[in-house]
C-alpha atoms as a PDB file:
ATOM      1  CA  UNK A   1       0.000   0.000   0.000  1.00  0.00           C
ATOM      2  CA  UNK A   2       1.417   3.390  -0.920  1.00  0.00           C
ATOM      3  CA  UNK A   3       2.048   6.034   1.734  1.00  0.00           C
ATOM      4  CA  UNK A   4      -0.817   8.235   0.451  1.00  0.00           C
ATOM      5  CA  UNK A   5      -3.340   5.386   0.686  1.00  0.00           C
ATOM      6  CA  UNK A   6      -2.188   4.606   4.233  1.00  0.00           C
ATOM      7  CA  UNK A   7      -2.653   8.251   5.252  1.00  0.00           C
ATOM      8  CA  UNK A   8      -6.171   8.330   3.794  1.00  0.00           C
ATOM      9  CA  UNK A   9      -7.085   5.105   5.600  1.00  0.00           C
ATOM     10  CA  UNK A  10      -5.891   6.498   8.940  1.00  0.00           C
ATOM     11  CA  UNK A  11      -7.739   9.773   8.339  1.00  0.00           C
ATOM     12  CA  UNK A  12     -10.937   7.918   7.360  1.00  0.00           C
ATOM     13  CA  UNK A  13     -10.737   5.791  10.514  1.00  0.00           C
ATOM     14  CA  UNK A  14     -10.374   8.941  12.619  1.00  0.00           C
ATOM     15  CA  UNK A  15     -13.481  10.453  11.015  1.00  0.00           C
ATOM     16  CA  UNK A  16     -15.495   7.274  11.565  1.00  0.00           C
ATOM     17  CA  UNK A  17     -14.462   7.145  15.228  1.00  0.00           C
ATOM     18  CA  UNK A  18     -15.283  10.823  15.721  1.00  0.00           C
ATOM     19  CA  UNK A  19     -18.699  10.353  14.107  1.00  0.00           C
ATOM     20  CA  UNK A  20     -19.332   7.306  16.280  1.00  0.00           C
ATOM     21  CA  UNK A  21     -18.490   9.287  19.398  1.00  0.00           C
ATOM     22  CA  UNK A  22     -20.891  12.028  18.264  1.00  0.00           C
ATOM     23  CA  UNK A  23     -23.738   9.533  17.767  1.00  0.00           C
ATOM     24  CA  UNK A  24     -23.084   7.957  21.168  1.00  0.00           C
ATOM     25  CA  UNK A  25     -23.002  11.389  22.852  1.00  0.00           C
ATOM     26  CA  UNK A  26     -26.287  12.437  21.234  1.00  0.00           C
ATOM     27  CA  UNK A  27     -27.923   9.109  22.024  1.00  0.00           C
ATOM     28  CA  UNK A  28     -27.036   9.482  25.689  1.00  0.00           C
ATOM     29  CA  UNK A  29     -28.117  13.145  25.762  1.00  0.00           C
ATOM     30  CA  UNK A  30     -31.505  12.010  24.426  1.00  0.00           C
ATOM     31  CA  UNK A  31     -31.747   9.309  27.104  1.00  0.00           C
ATOM     32  CA  UNK A  32     -31.779   6.530  24.537  1.00  0.00           C
ATOM     33  CA  UNK A  33     -30.275   3.061  24.635  1.00  0.00           C
ATOM     34  CA  UNK A  34     -28.775   1.504  21.522  1.00  0.00           C
ATOM     35  CA  UNK A  35     -31.969  -0.572  21.302  1.00  0.00           C
ATOM     36  CA  UNK A  36     -34.084   2.594  21.472  1.00  0.00           C
ATOM     37  CA  UNK A  37     -32.095   4.326  18.739  1.00  0.00           C
ATOM     38  CA  UNK A  38     -32.116   1.248  16.519  1.00  0.00           C
ATOM     39  CA  UNK A  39     -35.898   0.957  16.887  1.00  0.00           C
ATOM     40  CA  UNK A  40     -36.382   4.677  16.179  1.00  0.00           C
ATOM     41  CA  UNK A  41     -34.292   4.383  13.002  1.00  0.00           C
ATOM     42  CA  UNK A  42     -35.679   0.945  12.045  1.00  0.00           C
ATOM     43  CA  UNK A  43     -32.188  -0.516  11.777  1.00  0.00           C
ATOM     44  CA  UNK A  44     -30.397  -3.325  13.603  1.00  0.00           C
ATOM     45  CA  UNK A  45     -28.874  -2.666  17.029  1.00  0.00           C
ATOM     46  CA  UNK A  46     -25.625  -4.131  15.729  1.00  0.00           C
ATOM     47  CA  UNK A  47     -25.494  -1.323  13.166  1.00  0.00           C
ATOM     48  CA  UNK A  48     -25.754   1.284  15.951  1.00  0.00           C
ATOM     49  CA  UNK A  49     -23.010  -0.556  17.849  1.00  0.00           C
ATOM     50  CA  UNK A  50     -20.767  -0.564  14.756  1.00  0.00           C
ATOM     51  CA  UNK A  51     -21.459   3.120  13.990  1.00  0.00           C
ATOM     52  CA  UNK A  52     -20.655   4.156  17.559  1.00  0.00           C
ATOM     53  CA  UNK A  53     -17.506   2.034  17.476  1.00  0.00           C
ATOM     54  CA  UNK A  54     -16.313   3.684  14.268  1.00  0.00           C
ATOM     55  CA  UNK A  55     -16.403   0.324  12.505  1.00  0.00           C
ATOM     56  CA  UNK A  56     -18.548   1.225   9.485  1.00  0.00           C
ATOM     57  CA  UNK A  57     -18.891   4.062   7.032  1.00  0.00           C
ATOM     58  CA  UNK A  58     -22.616   4.622   7.260  1.00  0.00           C
ATOM     59  CA  UNK A  59     -24.871   5.546   4.351  1.00  0.00           C
ATOM     60  CA  UNK A  60     -26.503   8.887   3.683  1.00  0.00           C
ATOM     61  CA  UNK A  61     -29.865   7.213   4.284  1.00  0.00           C
ATOM     62  CA  UNK A  62     -28.757   6.167   7.765  1.00  0.00           C
ATOM     63  CA  UNK A  63     -27.410   9.667   8.447  1.00  0.00           C
ATOM     64  CA  UNK A  64     -30.874  11.002   7.648  1.00  0.00           C
ATOM     65  CA  UNK A  65     -32.535   8.466   9.966  1.00  0.00           C
ATOM     66  CA  UNK A  66     -30.134   9.281  12.804  1.00  0.00           C
ATOM     67  CA  UNK A  67     -30.653  13.025  12.370  1.00  0.00           C
ATOM     68  CA  UNK A  68     -34.429  12.549  12.436  1.00  0.00           C
ATOM     69  CA  UNK A  69     -34.182  10.392  15.578  1.00  0.00           C
ATOM     70  CA  UNK A  70     -32.262  13.209  17.281  1.00  0.00           C
ATOM     71  CA  UNK A  71     -34.661  15.826  15.839  1.00  0.00           C
ATOM     72  CA  UNK A  72     -31.936  17.709  14.009  1.00  0.00           C
ATOM     73  CA  UNK A  73     -30.564  18.266  10.537  1.00  0.00           C
ATOM     74  CA  UNK A  74     -27.775  16.174   9.024  1.00  0.00           C
ATOM     75  CA  UNK A  75     -25.625  19.313   9.224  1.00  0.00           C
ATOM     76  CA  UNK A  76     -26.227  19.510  12.985  1.00  0.00           C
ATOM     77  CA  UNK A  77     -25.535  15.792  13.336  1.00  0.00           C
ATOM     78  CA  UNK A  78     -22.190  16.199  11.543  1.00  0.00           C
ATOM     79  CA  UNK A  79     -21.156  19.273  13.557  1.00  0.00           C
ATOM     80  CA  UNK A  80     -17.510  19.023  14.558  1.00  0.00           C
ATOM     81  CA  UNK A  81     -16.777  15.970  12.439  1.00  0.00           C
END
């Protein structure tokens, strides 16, 4: 793997972890469990777990569902990411 590709991978992982931390913070601020958030978004709890852990690069559709669950815009959801 070239040096540039390695740098991008590290940077992408940092963004995914930061986004996951943001989702977890918002979930807790809203008094929701992972089960609650998954049910609100109609997605699997394991997906919430993987998002919060920075393990997956979520889709735009899921971003929209998460933002709606937190009663905010996608822009607000992504604040600081």
